[in-house]
C-alpha atoms as a PDB file:
ATOM      1  CA  MET A   1     -10.784  20.601 -13.636  1.00  0.00           C
ATOM      2  CA  GLY A   2     -12.406  17.150 -14.540  1.00  0.00           C
ATOM      3  CA  PHE A   3     -11.967  13.583 -13.406  1.00  0.00           C
ATOM      4  CA  ASN A   4      -9.648  11.277 -14.977  1.00  0.00           C
ATOM      5  CA  ALA A   5      -8.363   7.479 -14.952  1.00  0.00           C
ATOM      6  CA  THR A   6      -5.088   9.364 -13.538  1.00  0.00           C
ATOM      7  CA  SER A   7      -6.592  11.389 -10.667  1.00  0.00           C
ATOM      8  CA  ILE A   8      -8.154   8.590 -10.418  1.00  0.00           C
ATOM      9  CA  ALA A   9      -5.940   6.446  -9.063  1.00  0.00           C
ATOM     10  CA  ALA A  10      -4.042   9.313  -7.763  1.00  0.00           C
ATOM     11  CA  VAL A  11      -6.928   8.666  -5.284  1.00  0.00           C
ATOM     12  CA  LEU A  12      -6.583   5.180  -5.158  1.00  0.00           C
ATOM     13  CA  ALA A  13      -3.265   6.077  -3.960  1.00  0.00           C
ATOM     14  CA  TRP A  14      -3.671   8.059  -0.969  1.00  0.00           C
ATOM     15  CA  LEU A  15      -6.278   5.925  -0.182  1.00  0.00           C
ATOM     16  CA  SER A  16      -4.361   2.526   0.326  1.00  0.00           C
ATOM     17  CA  GLY A  17      -1.388   4.702   1.309  1.00  0.00           C
ATOM     18  CA  LEU A  18      -3.376   6.522   3.877  1.00  0.00           C
ATOM     19  CA  GLY A  19      -5.790   3.990   4.462  1.00  0.00           C
ATOM     20  CA  PHE A  20      -3.141   1.476   4.854  1.00  0.00           C
ATOM     21  CA  GLY A  21       0.165   3.625   6.005  1.00  0.00           C
ATOM     22  CA  LEU A  22      -1.496   5.054   9.158  1.00  0.00           C
ATOM     23  CA  PRO A  23      -2.339   2.073  11.000  1.00  0.00           C
ATOM     24  CA  GLY A  24       0.809   0.362   9.467  1.00  0.00           C
ATOM     25  CA  VAL A  25       2.686   3.354  11.726  1.00  0.00           C
ATOM     26  CA  TYR A  26       0.706   2.523  14.735  1.00  0.00           C
ATOM     27  CA  GLY A  27       0.897  -0.930  14.716  1.00  0.00           C
ATOM     28  CA  LEU A  28       5.088  -0.879  13.884  1.00  0.00           C
ATOM     29  CA  TRP A  29       4.971   1.841  17.037  1.00  0.00           C
ATOM     30  CA  HIS A  30       2.500  -0.932  19.358  1.00  0.00           C
ATOM     31  CA  PHE A  31       4.767  -4.310  17.842  1.00  0.00           C
ATOM     32  CA  ALA A  32       8.024  -2.004  18.388  1.00  0.00           C
ATOM     33  CA  LYS A  33       6.881  -0.857  22.570  1.00  0.00           C
ATOM     34  CA  ASN A  34       5.340  -4.342  23.148  1.00  0.00           C
ATOM     35  CA  ARG A  35       6.538  -7.123  20.543  1.00  0.00           C
ATOM     36  CA  VAL A  36       2.578  -8.415  19.989  1.00  0.00           C
ATOM     37  CA  VAL A  37       1.185  -7.686  16.994  1.00  0.00           C
ATOM     38  CA  TRP A  38      -1.467  -5.231  17.561  1.00  0.00           C
ATOM     39  CA  THR A  39      -5.228  -5.978  17.326  1.00  0.00           C
ATOM     40  CA  PHE A  40      -7.778  -4.375  16.010  1.00  0.00           C
ATOM     41  CA  MET A  41     -11.307  -5.526  16.754  1.00  0.00           C
ATOM     42  CA  GLY A  42     -10.388  -9.087  17.024  1.00  0.00           C
ATOM     43  CA  PHE A  43      -8.206  -9.178  14.432  1.00  0.00           C
ATOM     44  CA  PRO A  44      -4.219  -9.128  14.854  1.00  0.00           C
ATOM     45  CA  THR A  45      -3.590  -6.487  12.268  1.00  0.00           C
ATOM     46  CA  TYR A  46       0.024  -7.336  10.776  1.00  0.00           C
ATOM     47  CA  GLY A  47       0.122 -11.295  11.339  1.00  0.00           C
ATOM     48  CA  GLY A  48      -1.200 -14.390  10.604  1.00  0.00           C
ATOM     49  CA  GLY A  49      -0.565 -13.706   7.816  1.00  0.00           C
ATOM     50  CA  PRO A  50       1.338 -16.118   4.184  1.00  0.00           C
ATOM     51  CA  PHE A  51       4.314 -13.970   5.530  1.00  0.00           C
ATOM     52  CA  GLU A  52       4.121 -15.903   9.195  1.00  0.00           C
ATOM     53  CA  LYS A  53       2.843 -19.763   6.814  1.00  0.00           C
ATOM     54  CA  ILE A  54       6.865 -19.373   5.749  1.00  0.00           C
ATOM     55  CA  GLY A  55       8.706 -18.260   8.254  1.00  0.00           C
ATOM     56  CA  LEU A  56       8.518 -14.534   8.263  1.00  0.00           C
ATOM     57  CA  HIS A  57       7.885 -13.342  11.786  1.00  0.00           C
ATOM     58  CA  THR A  58       6.499 -10.021  12.102  1.00  0.00           C
ATOM     59  CA  SER A  59       9.230  -7.373  12.816  1.00  0.00           C
ATOM     60  CA  VAL A  60      10.362  -4.038  13.435  1.00  0.00           C
ATOM     61  CA  PRO A  61      12.223  -3.153  10.020  1.00  0.00           C
ATOM     62  CA  LEU A  62       8.978  -6.021   8.170  1.00  0.00           C
ATOM     63  CA  LEU A  63       7.096  -3.009   9.613  1.00  0.00           C
ATOM     64  CA  ALA A  64       8.920  -0.765   8.806  1.00  0.00           C
ATOM     65  CA  GLY A  65       9.397  -0.989   5.070  1.00  0.00           C
ATOM     66  CA  PHE A  66       5.567  -1.460   4.888  1.00  0.00           C
ATOM     67  CA  VAL A  67       5.288   1.969   6.400  1.00  0.00           C
ATOM     68  CA  VAL A  68       7.601   3.301   3.404  1.00  0.00           C
ATOM     69  CA  VAL A  69       6.366   1.747   0.934  1.00  0.00           C
ATOM     70  CA  CYS A  70       2.104   2.911   2.377  1.00  0.00           C
ATOM     71  CA  LEU A  71       4.335   6.719   2.508  1.00  0.00           C
ATOM     72  CA  ALA A  72       5.268   5.470  -1.062  1.00  0.00           C
ATOM     73  CA  GLU A  73       1.742   5.380  -2.807  1.00  0.00           C
ATOM     74  CA  LEU A  74       1.510   9.054  -1.164  1.00  0.00           C
ATOM     75  CA  VAL A  75       4.617  10.360  -3.271  1.00  0.00           C
ATOM     76  CA  VAL A  76       3.165   7.573  -5.743  1.00  0.00           C
ATOM     77  CA  GLY A  77      -0.237   9.659  -5.623  1.00  0.00           C
ATOM     78  CA  GLY A  78       0.664  13.200  -6.067  1.00  0.00           C
ATOM     79  CA  MET A  79       2.679  12.355  -8.274  1.00  0.00           C
ATOM     80  CA  LEU A  80      -0.200  11.335 -10.029  1.00  0.00           C
ATOM     81  CA  TRP A  81      -2.164  13.638  -9.514  1.00  0.00           C
ATOM     82  CA  ALA A  82       0.677  16.897 -10.421  1.00  0.00           C
ATOM     83  CA  GLY A  83       0.209  15.187 -14.024  1.00  0.00           C
ATOM     84  CA  GLN A  84       3.525  13.570 -14.246  1.00  0.00           C
ATOM     85  CA  PRO A  85       5.038  11.327 -16.552  1.00  0.00           C
ATOM     86  CA  ALA A  86       7.105   9.571 -13.923  1.00  0.00           C
ATOM     87  CA  GLY A  87       3.664   9.153 -11.374  1.00  0.00           C
ATOM     88  CA  LEU A  88       2.975   6.125 -14.158  1.00  0.00           C
ATOM     89  CA  TRP A  89       5.461   4.640 -14.448  1.00  0.00           C
ATOM     90  CA  LEU A  90       6.333   4.754 -10.477  1.00  0.00           C
ATOM     91  CA  ALA A  91       2.726   2.870  -9.749  1.00  0.00           C
ATOM     92  CA  LEU A  92       3.777  -0.374 -11.358  1.00  0.00           C
ATOM     93  CA  ALA A  93       6.743  -0.543 -10.251  1.00  0.00           C
ATOM     94  CA  LEU A  94       6.070  -0.371  -7.521  1.00  0.00           C
ATOM     95  CA  LEU A  95       2.667  -2.488  -7.288  1.00  0.00           C
ATOM     96  CA  PRO A  96       5.408  -5.704  -6.484  1.00  0.00           C
ATOM     97  CA  PHE A  97       5.874  -3.982  -4.014  1.00  0.00           C
ATOM     98  CA  GLU A  98       2.583  -3.477  -2.445  1.00  0.00           C
ATOM     99  CA  LEU A  99       1.024  -6.946  -4.086  1.00  0.00           C
ATOM    100  CA  ALA A 100       3.870  -8.696  -1.529  1.00  0.00           C
ATOM    101  CA  TYR A 101       2.944  -7.087   1.412  1.00  0.00           C
ATOM    102  CA  TRP A 102      -1.166  -7.500   1.273  1.00  0.00           C
ATOM    103  CA  ILE A 103      -1.084 -10.899   0.565  1.00  0.00           C
ATOM    104  CA  GLY A 104       1.723 -10.870   3.679  1.00  0.00           C
ATOM    105  CA  PHE A 105      -0.237  -8.773   5.745  1.00  0.00           C
ATOM    106  CA  ALA A 106      -3.347 -10.598   4.231  1.00  0.00           C
ATOM    107  CA  LEU A 107      -4.882  -7.643   4.369  1.00  0.00           C
ATOM    108  CA  PRO A 108      -7.754  -7.902   1.734  1.00  0.00           C
ATOM    109  CA  PHE A 109      -8.981  -5.300   0.386  1.00  0.00           C
ATOM    110  CA  GLY A 110      -4.854  -3.617  -0.859  1.00  0.00           C
ATOM    111  CA  PRO A 111      -5.015  -6.262  -4.102  1.00  0.00           C
ATOM    112  CA  ILE A 112      -8.448  -5.011  -4.828  1.00  0.00           C
ATOM    113  CA  ILE A 113      -7.922  -1.735  -5.011  1.00  0.00           C
ATOM    114  CA  GLY A 114      -3.990  -2.378  -6.209  1.00  0.00           C
ATOM    115  CA  VAL A 115      -5.865  -4.114  -9.790  1.00  0.00           C
ATOM    116  CA  LEU A 116      -8.682  -1.164  -9.997  1.00  0.00           C
ATOM    117  CA  ARG A 117      -5.191   1.976  -9.494  1.00  0.00           C
ATOM    118  CA  THR A 118      -3.097  -0.742 -12.193  1.00  0.00           C
ATOM    119  CA  VAL A 119      -6.086  -0.533 -14.223  1.00  0.00           C
ATOM    120  CA  LEU A 120      -6.440   2.915 -14.797  1.00  0.00           C
ATOM    121  CA  VAL A 121      -3.032   3.578 -14.280  1.00  0.00           C
ATOM    122  CA  ILE A 122      -2.185   1.623 -18.009  1.00  0.00           C
ATOM    123  CA  ALA A 123      -5.284   3.084 -19.696  1.00  0.00           C
ATOM    124  CA  ALA A 124      -3.383   6.661 -19.129  1.00  0.00           C
ATOM    125  CA  ILE A 125       0.070   5.294 -20.753  1.00  0.00           C
ATOM    126  CA  ARG A 126      -1.834   4.180 -23.352  1.00  0.00           C
ATOM    127  CA  ALA A 127      -4.289   7.472 -23.690  1.00  0.00           C
ATOM    128  CA  GLY A 128      -0.751   9.300 -25.036  1.00  0.00           C
END
């Protein structure tokens, strides 16, 4: 099987879902237990970003929402890999929620992965 736009988009969705989701689960657990944002390599993982600047402080529901979005990315990745056309449209529908969390938590690699995946998804839609 050769790689096409859809399969590469699937890998990017999995990369994002796992890359942010696994730390997100730990960050959620850490915050629920200690009521303090988890710090990794000296950086707050889910705090101190634009969310806080607008008054939306880190909370269990906010972190849980992020983890749910990451799980949805994994599902979308599976749908894309399987060649399900709905996966293309769900990838686009999920993007605003991903962007909100990536920007709100100041996660710089999220938008880059999201833009690349979106370009590939649009190319796959146009290819028919």
